[in-house]
Amino acid sequence: YRRRRGRLRIGRLVILILIFAAIVVGI
């Protein structure tokens, strides 16, 4: 359980980083 939950948190963080990077590139 804990391993899967950690992976979910990392995945959300990666998605947020990618969204932020896309915004910067767009600017």
PDB file of all heavy atoms in Angstrom:
ATOM      1  N   TYR A   1       0.826  -1.216   0.000  1.00  0.00           N
ATOM      2  CA  TYR A   1       0.000   0.000   0.000  1.00  0.00           C
ATOM      3  C   TYR A   1       0.852   1.253   0.000  1.00  0.00           C
ATOM      4  O   TYR A   1       0.663   2.173  -0.800  1.00  0.00           O
ATOM      5  CB  TYR A   1      -0.920  -0.021   1.225  1.00  0.00           C
ATOM      6  CG  TYR A   1      -1.636   1.275   1.455  1.00  0.00           C
ATOM      7  CD1 TYR A   1      -2.802   1.558   0.764  1.00  0.00           C
ATOM      8  CD2 TYR A   1      -1.136   2.208   2.358  1.00  0.00           C
ATOM      9  CE1 TYR A   1      -3.461   2.747   0.969  1.00  0.00           C
ATOM     10  CE2 TYR A   1      -1.797   3.394   2.573  1.00  0.00           C
ATOM     11  CZ  TYR A   1      -2.968   3.658   1.890  1.00  0.00           C
ATOM     12  OH  TYR A   1      -3.628   4.815   2.094  1.00  0.00           O
ATOM     13  N   ARG A   2       1.821   1.326   0.927  1.00  0.00           N
ATOM     14  CA  ARG A   2       2.635   2.531   1.040  1.00  0.00           C
ATOM     15  C   ARG A   2       3.458   2.779  -0.223  1.00  0.00           C
ATOM     16  O   ARG A   2       3.668   3.924  -0.659  1.00  0.00           O
ATOM     17  CB  ARG A   2       3.554   2.426   2.251  1.00  0.00           C
ATOM     18  CG  ARG A   2       2.793   2.447   3.574  1.00  0.00           C
ATOM     19  CD  ARG A   2       3.749   2.375   4.742  1.00  0.00           C
ATOM     20  NE  ARG A   2       3.020   2.445   6.005  1.00  0.00           N
ATOM     21  CZ  ARG A   2       3.598   2.356   7.206  1.00  0.00           C
ATOM     22  NH1 ARG A   2       4.926   2.219   7.276  1.00  0.00           N
ATOM     23  NH2 ARG A   2       2.869   2.434   8.299  1.00  0.00           N
ATOM     24  N   ARG A   3       3.915   1.718  -0.833  1.00  0.00           N
ATOM     25  CA  ARG A   3       4.711   1.877  -2.046  1.00  0.00           C
ATOM     26  C   ARG A   3       3.877   2.483  -3.171  1.00  0.00           C
ATOM     27  O   ARG A   3       4.300   3.373  -3.887  1.00  0.00           O
ATOM     28  CB  ARG A   3       5.283   0.525  -2.474  1.00  0.00           C
ATOM     29  CG  ARG A   3       6.277   0.634  -3.650  1.00  0.00           C
ATOM     30  CD  ARG A   3       6.808  -0.723  -4.065  1.00  0.00           C
ATOM     31  NE  ARG A   3       7.444  -1.413  -2.948  1.00  0.00           N
ATOM     32  CZ  ARG A   3       6.956  -2.537  -2.412  1.00  0.00           C
ATOM     33  NH1 ARG A   3       5.847  -3.067  -2.904  1.00  0.00           N
ATOM     34  NH2 ARG A   3       7.571  -3.115  -1.398  1.00  0.00           N
ATOM     35  N   ARG A   4       2.628   1.955  -3.304  1.00  0.00           N
ATOM     36  CA  ARG A   4       1.762   2.484  -4.359  1.00  0.00           C
ATOM     37  C   ARG A   4       1.375   3.925  -4.094  1.00  0.00           C
ATOM     38  O   ARG A   4       1.297   4.750  -5.005  1.00  0.00           O
ATOM     39  CB  ARG A   4       0.497   1.614  -4.466  1.00  0.00           C
ATOM     40  CG  ARG A   4       0.756   0.244  -5.085  1.00  0.00           C
ATOM     41  CD  ARG A   4      -0.543  -0.413  -5.505  1.00  0.00           C
ATOM     42  NE  ARG A   4      -1.436  -0.621  -4.370  1.00  0.00           N
ATOM     43  CZ  ARG A   4      -1.400  -1.725  -3.597  1.00  0.00           C
ATOM     44  NH1 ARG A   4      -0.536  -2.682  -3.855  1.00  0.00           N
ATOM     45  NH2 ARG A   4      -2.238  -1.857  -2.584  1.00  0.00           N
ATOM     46  N   ARG A   5       1.119   4.221  -2.818  1.00  0.00           N
ATOM     47  CA  ARG A   5       0.750   5.594  -2.490  1.00  0.00           C
ATOM     48  C   ARG A   5       1.900   6.573  -2.795  1.00  0.00           C
ATOM     49  O   ARG A   5       1.702   7.677  -3.298  1.00  0.00           O
ATOM     50  CB  ARG A   5       0.374   5.677  -1.010  1.00  0.00           C
ATOM     51  CG  ARG A   5      -0.232   7.035  -0.622  1.00  0.00           C
ATOM     52  CD  ARG A   5      -0.727   6.960   0.808  1.00  0.00           C
ATOM     53  NE  ARG A   5      -1.299   8.218   1.199  1.00  0.00           N
ATOM     54  CZ  ARG A   5      -2.554   8.583   0.978  1.00  0.00           C
ATOM     55  NH1 ARG A   5      -3.351   7.766   0.318  1.00  0.00           N
ATOM     56  NH2 ARG A   5      -3.007   9.766   1.389  1.00  0.00           N
ATOM     57  N   GLY A   6       3.145   6.172  -2.507  1.00  0.00           N
ATOM     58  CA  GLY A   6       4.301   7.009  -2.818  1.00  0.00           C
ATOM     59  C   GLY A   6       4.438   7.246  -4.307  1.00  0.00           C
ATOM     60  O   GLY A   6       4.765   8.341  -4.761  1.00  0.00           O
ATOM     61  N   ARG A   7       4.156   6.169  -5.081  1.00  0.00           N
ATOM     62  CA  ARG A   7       4.231   6.321  -6.529  1.00  0.00           C
ATOM     63  C   ARG A   7       3.188   7.306  -7.045  1.00  0.00           C
ATOM     64  O   ARG A   7       3.447   8.098  -7.967  1.00  0.00           O
ATOM     65  CB  ARG A   7       4.052   4.974  -7.208  1.00  0.00           C
ATOM     66  CG  ARG A   7       5.240   4.030  -7.009  1.00  0.00           C
ATOM     67  CD  ARG A   7       4.931   2.681  -7.579  1.00  0.00           C
ATOM     68  NE  ARG A   7       6.076   1.771  -7.404  1.00  0.00           N
ATOM     69  CZ  ARG A   7       6.000   0.455  -7.638  1.00  0.00           C
ATOM     70  NH1 ARG A   7       4.855  -0.081  -8.049  1.00  0.00           N
ATOM     71  NH2 ARG A   7       7.075  -0.294  -7.469  1.00  0.00           N
ATOM     72  N   LEU A   8       1.998   7.261  -6.460  1.00  0.00           N
ATOM     73  CA  LEU A   8       0.959   8.203  -6.859  1.00  0.00           C
ATOM     74  C   LEU A   8       1.364   9.638  -6.595  1.00  0.00           C
ATOM     75  O   LEU A   8       1.151  10.543  -7.415  1.00  0.00           O
ATOM     76  CB  LEU A   8      -0.343   7.887  -6.125  1.00  0.00           C
ATOM     77  CG  LEU A   8      -1.081   6.620  -6.590  1.00  0.00           C
ATOM     78  CD1 LEU A   8      -2.234   6.324  -5.662  1.00  0.00           C
ATOM     79  CD2 LEU A   8      -1.577   6.797  -8.025  1.00  0.00           C
ATOM     80  N   ARG A   9       1.978   9.867  -5.431  1.00  0.00           N
ATOM     81  CA  ARG A   9       2.432  11.215  -5.105  1.00  0.00           C
ATOM     82  C   ARG A   9       3.505  11.693  -6.091  1.00  0.00           C
ATOM     83  O   ARG A   9       3.488  12.835  -6.567  1.00  0.00           O
ATOM     84  CB  ARG A   9       2.984  11.255  -3.679  1.00  0.00           C
ATOM     85  CG  ARG A   9       1.897  11.122  -2.619  1.00  0.00           C
ATOM     86  CD  ARG A   9       2.518  11.063  -1.248  1.00  0.00           C
ATOM     87  NE  ARG A   9       1.489  10.984  -0.214  1.00  0.00           N
ATOM     88  CZ  ARG A   9       1.753  10.751   1.077  1.00  0.00           C
ATOM     89  NH1 ARG A   9       3.019  10.592   1.476  1.00  0.00           N
ATOM     90  NH2 ARG A   9       0.765  10.705   1.960  1.00  0.00           N
ATOM     91  N   ILE A  10       4.449  10.823  -6.428  1.00  0.00           N
ATOM     92  CA  ILE A  10       5.506  11.175  -7.394  1.00  0.00           C
ATOM     93  C   ILE A  10       4.906  11.469  -8.763  1.00  0.00           C
ATOM     94  O   ILE A  10       5.286  12.415  -9.452  1.00  0.00           O
ATOM     95  CB  ILE A  10       6.552  10.052  -7.482  1.00  0.00           C
ATOM     96  CG1 ILE A  10       7.308   9.943  -6.152  1.00  0.00           C
ATOM     97  CG2 ILE A  10       7.525  10.305  -8.634  1.00  0.00           C
ATOM     98  CD1 ILE A  10       8.236   8.765  -6.081  1.00  0.00           C
ATOM     99  N   GLY A  11       3.927  10.657  -9.157  1.00  0.00           N
ATOM    100  CA  GLY A  11       3.275  10.865 -10.446  1.00  0.00           C
ATOM    101  C   GLY A  11       2.591  12.207 -10.524  1.00  0.00           C
ATOM    102  O   GLY A  11       2.680  12.915 -11.533  1.00  0.00           O
ATOM    103  N   ARG A  12       1.864  12.555  -9.418  1.00  0.00           N
ATOM    104  CA  ARG A  12       1.210  13.867  -9.418  1.00  0.00           C
ATOM    105  C   ARG A  12       2.238  14.998  -9.518  1.00  0.00           C
ATOM    106  O   ARG A  12       2.015  15.995 -10.197  1.00  0.00           O
ATOM    107  CB  ARG A  12       0.373  14.018  -8.130  1.00  0.00           C
ATOM    108  CG  ARG A  12      -0.837  13.093  -8.067  1.00  0.00           C
ATOM    109  CD  ARG A  12      -1.735  13.495  -6.908  1.00  0.00           C
ATOM    110  NE  ARG A  12      -2.788  12.517  -6.716  1.00  0.00           N
ATOM    111  CZ  ARG A  12      -2.794  11.588  -5.753  1.00  0.00           C
ATOM    112  NH1 ARG A  12      -1.783  11.529  -4.884  1.00  0.00           N
ATOM    113  NH2 ARG A  12      -3.787  10.743  -5.650  1.00  0.00           N
ATOM    114  N   LEU A  13       3.370  14.831  -8.821  1.00  0.00           N
ATOM    115  CA  LEU A  13       4.409  15.854  -8.847  1.00  0.00           C
ATOM    116  C   LEU A  13       4.989  16.009 -10.256  1.00  0.00           C
ATOM    117  O   LEU A  13       5.209  17.119 -10.739  1.00  0.00           O
ATOM    118  CB  LEU A  13       5.526  15.505  -7.857  1.00  0.00           C
ATOM    119  CG  LEU A  13       6.690  16.505  -7.751  1.00  0.00           C
ATOM    120  CD1 LEU A  13       6.157  17.867  -7.297  1.00  0.00           C
ATOM    121  CD2 LEU A  13       7.739  16.004  -6.777  1.00  0.00           C
ATOM    122  N   VAL A  14       5.222  14.887 -10.925  1.00  0.00           N
ATOM    123  CA  VAL A  14       5.742  14.931 -12.291  1.00  0.00           C
ATOM    124  C   VAL A  14       4.778  15.648 -13.220  1.00  0.00           C
ATOM    125  O   VAL A  14       5.154  16.474 -14.056  1.00  0.00           O
ATOM    126  CB  VAL A  14       6.045  13.513 -12.810  1.00  0.00           C
ATOM    127  CG1 VAL A  14       6.343  13.537 -14.316  1.00  0.00           C
ATOM    128  CG2 VAL A  14       7.213  12.906 -12.057  1.00  0.00           C
ATOM    129  N   ILE A  15       3.476  15.365 -13.071  1.00  0.00           N
ATOM    130  CA  ILE A  15       2.459  16.011 -13.911  1.00  0.00           C
ATOM    131  C   ILE A  15       2.460  17.513 -13.693  1.00  0.00           C
ATOM    132  O   ILE A  15       2.396  18.311 -14.628  1.00  0.00           O
ATOM    133  CB  ILE A  15       1.071  15.405 -13.617  1.00  0.00           C
ATOM    134  CG1 ILE A  15       1.021  13.954 -14.122  1.00  0.00           C
ATOM    135  CG2 ILE A  15      -0.030  16.243 -14.277  1.00  0.00           C
ATOM    136  CD1 ILE A  15      -0.231  13.214 -13.733  1.00  0.00           C
ATOM    137  N   LEU A  16       2.562  17.914 -12.399  1.00  0.00           N
ATOM    138  CA  LEU A  16       2.597  19.346 -12.098  1.00  0.00           C
ATOM    139  C   LEU A  16       3.822  20.014 -12.721  1.00  0.00           C
ATOM    140  O   LEU A  16       3.748  21.121 -13.254  1.00  0.00           O
ATOM    141  CB  LEU A  16       2.589  19.550 -10.578  1.00  0.00           C
ATOM    142  CG  LEU A  16       1.264  19.242  -9.870  1.00  0.00           C
ATOM    143  CD1 LEU A  16       1.448  19.334  -8.366  1.00  0.00           C
ATOM    144  CD2 LEU A  16       0.172  20.206 -10.322  1.00  0.00           C
ATOM    145  N   ILE A  17       4.971  19.329 -12.641  1.00  0.00           N
ATOM    146  CA  ILE A  17       6.198  19.875 -13.237  1.00  0.00           C
ATOM    147  C   ILE A  17       6.050  20.027 -14.741  1.00  0.00           C
ATOM    148  O   ILE A  17       6.430  21.046 -15.332  1.00  0.00           O
ATOM    149  CB  ILE A  17       7.414  18.986 -12.895  1.00  0.00           C
ATOM    150  CG1 ILE A  17       7.725  19.071 -11.384  1.00  0.00           C
ATOM    151  CG2 ILE A  17       8.634  19.401 -13.708  1.00  0.00           C
ATOM    152  CD1 ILE A  17       8.789  18.116 -10.921  1.00  0.00           C
ATOM    153  N   LEU A  18       5.456  19.006 -15.377  1.00  0.00           N
ATOM    154  CA  LEU A  18       5.272  19.067 -16.823  1.00  0.00           C
ATOM    155  C   LEU A  18       4.324  20.196 -17.207  1.00  0.00           C
ATOM    156  O   LEU A  18       4.541  20.905 -18.201  1.00  0.00           O
ATOM    157  CB  LEU A  18       4.736  17.727 -17.345  1.00  0.00           C
ATOM    158  CG  LEU A  18       5.730  16.563 -17.308  1.00  0.00           C
ATOM    159  CD1 LEU A  18       5.040  15.271 -17.728  1.00  0.00           C
ATOM    160  CD2 LEU A  18       6.924  16.840 -18.212  1.00  0.00           C
ATOM    161  N   ILE A  19       3.270  20.390 -16.448  1.00  0.00           N
ATOM    162  CA  ILE A  19       2.338  21.486 -16.723  1.00  0.00           C
ATOM    163  C   ILE A  19       3.039  22.824 -16.586  1.00  0.00           C
ATOM    164  O   ILE A  19       2.887  23.723 -17.426  1.00  0.00           O
ATOM    165  CB  ILE A  19       1.118  21.400 -15.776  1.00  0.00           C
ATOM    166  CG1 ILE A  19       0.277  20.147 -16.106  1.00  0.00           C
ATOM    167  CG2 ILE A  19       0.263  22.668 -15.884  1.00  0.00           C
ATOM    168  CD1 ILE A  19      -0.833  19.884 -15.122  1.00  0.00           C
ATOM    169  N   PHE A  20       3.839  22.965 -15.522  1.00  0.00           N
ATOM    170  CA  PHE A  20       4.572  24.216 -15.305  1.00  0.00           C
ATOM    171  C   PHE A  20       5.551  24.474 -16.446  1.00  0.00           C
ATOM    172  O   PHE A  20       5.667  25.591 -16.942  1.00  0.00           O
ATOM    173  CB  PHE A  20       5.310  24.146 -13.965  1.00  0.00           C
ATOM    174  CG  PHE A  20       6.107  25.379 -13.657  1.00  0.00           C
ATOM    175  CD1 PHE A  20       5.491  26.529 -13.202  1.00  0.00           C
ATOM    176  CD2 PHE A  20       7.489  25.388 -13.841  1.00  0.00           C
ATOM    177  CE1 PHE A  20       6.222  27.676 -12.921  1.00  0.00           C
ATOM    178  CE2 PHE A  20       8.223  26.525 -13.562  1.00  0.00           C
ATOM    179  CZ  PHE A  20       7.591  27.662 -13.104  1.00  0.00           C
ATOM    180  N   ALA A  21       6.261  23.409 -16.857  1.00  0.00           N
ATOM    181  CA  ALA A  21       7.216  23.559 -17.957  1.00  0.00           C
ATOM    182  C   ALA A  21       6.519  23.969 -19.247  1.00  0.00           C
ATOM    183  O   ALA A  21       7.016  24.800 -20.016  1.00  0.00           O
ATOM    184  CB  ALA A  21       7.993  22.257 -18.167  1.00  0.00           C
ATOM    185  N   ALA A  22       5.339  23.384 -19.494  1.00  0.00           N
ATOM    186  CA  ALA A  22       4.586  23.739 -20.697  1.00  0.00           C
ATOM    187  C   ALA A  22       4.177  25.203 -20.674  1.00  0.00           C
ATOM    188  O   ALA A  22       4.208  25.897 -21.691  1.00  0.00           O
ATOM    189  CB  ALA A  22       3.353  22.835 -20.822  1.00  0.00           C
ATOM    190  N   ILE A  23       3.801  25.695 -19.492  1.00  0.00           N
ATOM    191  CA  ILE A  23       3.420  27.103 -19.370  1.00  0.00           C
ATOM    192  C   ILE A  23       4.619  28.000 -19.672  1.00  0.00           C
ATOM    193  O   ILE A  23       4.512  28.997 -20.395  1.00  0.00           O
ATOM    194  CB  ILE A  23       2.862  27.385 -17.957  1.00  0.00           C
ATOM    195  CG1 ILE A  23       1.515  26.649 -17.781  1.00  0.00           C
ATOM    196  CG2 ILE A  23       2.677  28.883 -17.739  1.00  0.00           C
ATOM    197  CD1 ILE A  23       0.979  26.714 -16.372  1.00  0.00           C
ATOM    198  N   VAL A  24       5.792  27.640 -19.106  1.00  0.00           N
ATOM    199  CA  VAL A  24       6.997  28.435 -19.334  1.00  0.00           C
ATOM    200  C   VAL A  24       7.362  28.456 -20.809  1.00  0.00           C
ATOM    201  O   VAL A  24       7.677  29.504 -21.382  1.00  0.00           O
ATOM    202  CB  VAL A  24       8.168  27.888 -18.490  1.00  0.00           C
ATOM    203  CG1 VAL A  24       9.467  28.574 -18.880  1.00  0.00           C
ATOM    204  CG2 VAL A  24       7.886  28.080 -17.005  1.00  0.00           C
ATOM    205  N   VAL A  25       7.331  27.276 -21.457  1.00  0.00           N
ATOM    206  CA  VAL A  25       7.646  27.204 -22.883  1.00  0.00           C
ATOM    207  C   VAL A  25       6.681  28.060 -23.692  1.00  0.00           C
ATOM    208  O   VAL A  25       7.060  28.772 -24.625  1.00  0.00           O
ATOM    209  CB  VAL A  25       7.619  25.735 -23.370  1.00  0.00           C
ATOM    210  CG1 VAL A  25       7.699  25.675 -24.895  1.00  0.00           C
ATOM    211  CG2 VAL A  25       8.766  24.954 -22.756  1.00  0.00           C
ATOM    212  N   GLY A  26       5.400  28.004 -23.322  1.00  0.00           N
ATOM    213  CA  GLY A  26       4.409  28.818 -24.016  1.00  0.00           C
ATOM    214  C   GLY A  26       4.697  30.298 -23.895  1.00  0.00           C
ATOM    215  O   GLY A  26       4.575  31.055 -24.862  1.00  0.00           O
ATOM    216  N   ILE A  27       5.099  30.713 -22.686  1.00  0.00           N
ATOM    217  CA  ILE A  27       5.426  32.123 -22.488  1.00  0.00           C
ATOM    218  C   ILE A  27       6.629  32.524 -23.337  1.00  0.00           C
ATOM    219  O   ILE A  27       6.640  33.572 -23.987  1.00  0.00           O
ATOM    220  CB  ILE A  27       5.690  32.402 -20.992  1.00  0.00           C
ATOM    221  CG1 ILE A  27       4.393  32.247 -20.186  1.00  0.00           C
ATOM    222  CG2 ILE A  27       6.265  33.798 -20.797  1.00  0.00           C
ATOM    223  CD1 ILE A  27       4.590  32.323 -18.692  1.00  0.00           C
TER     224      ILE A  27
END
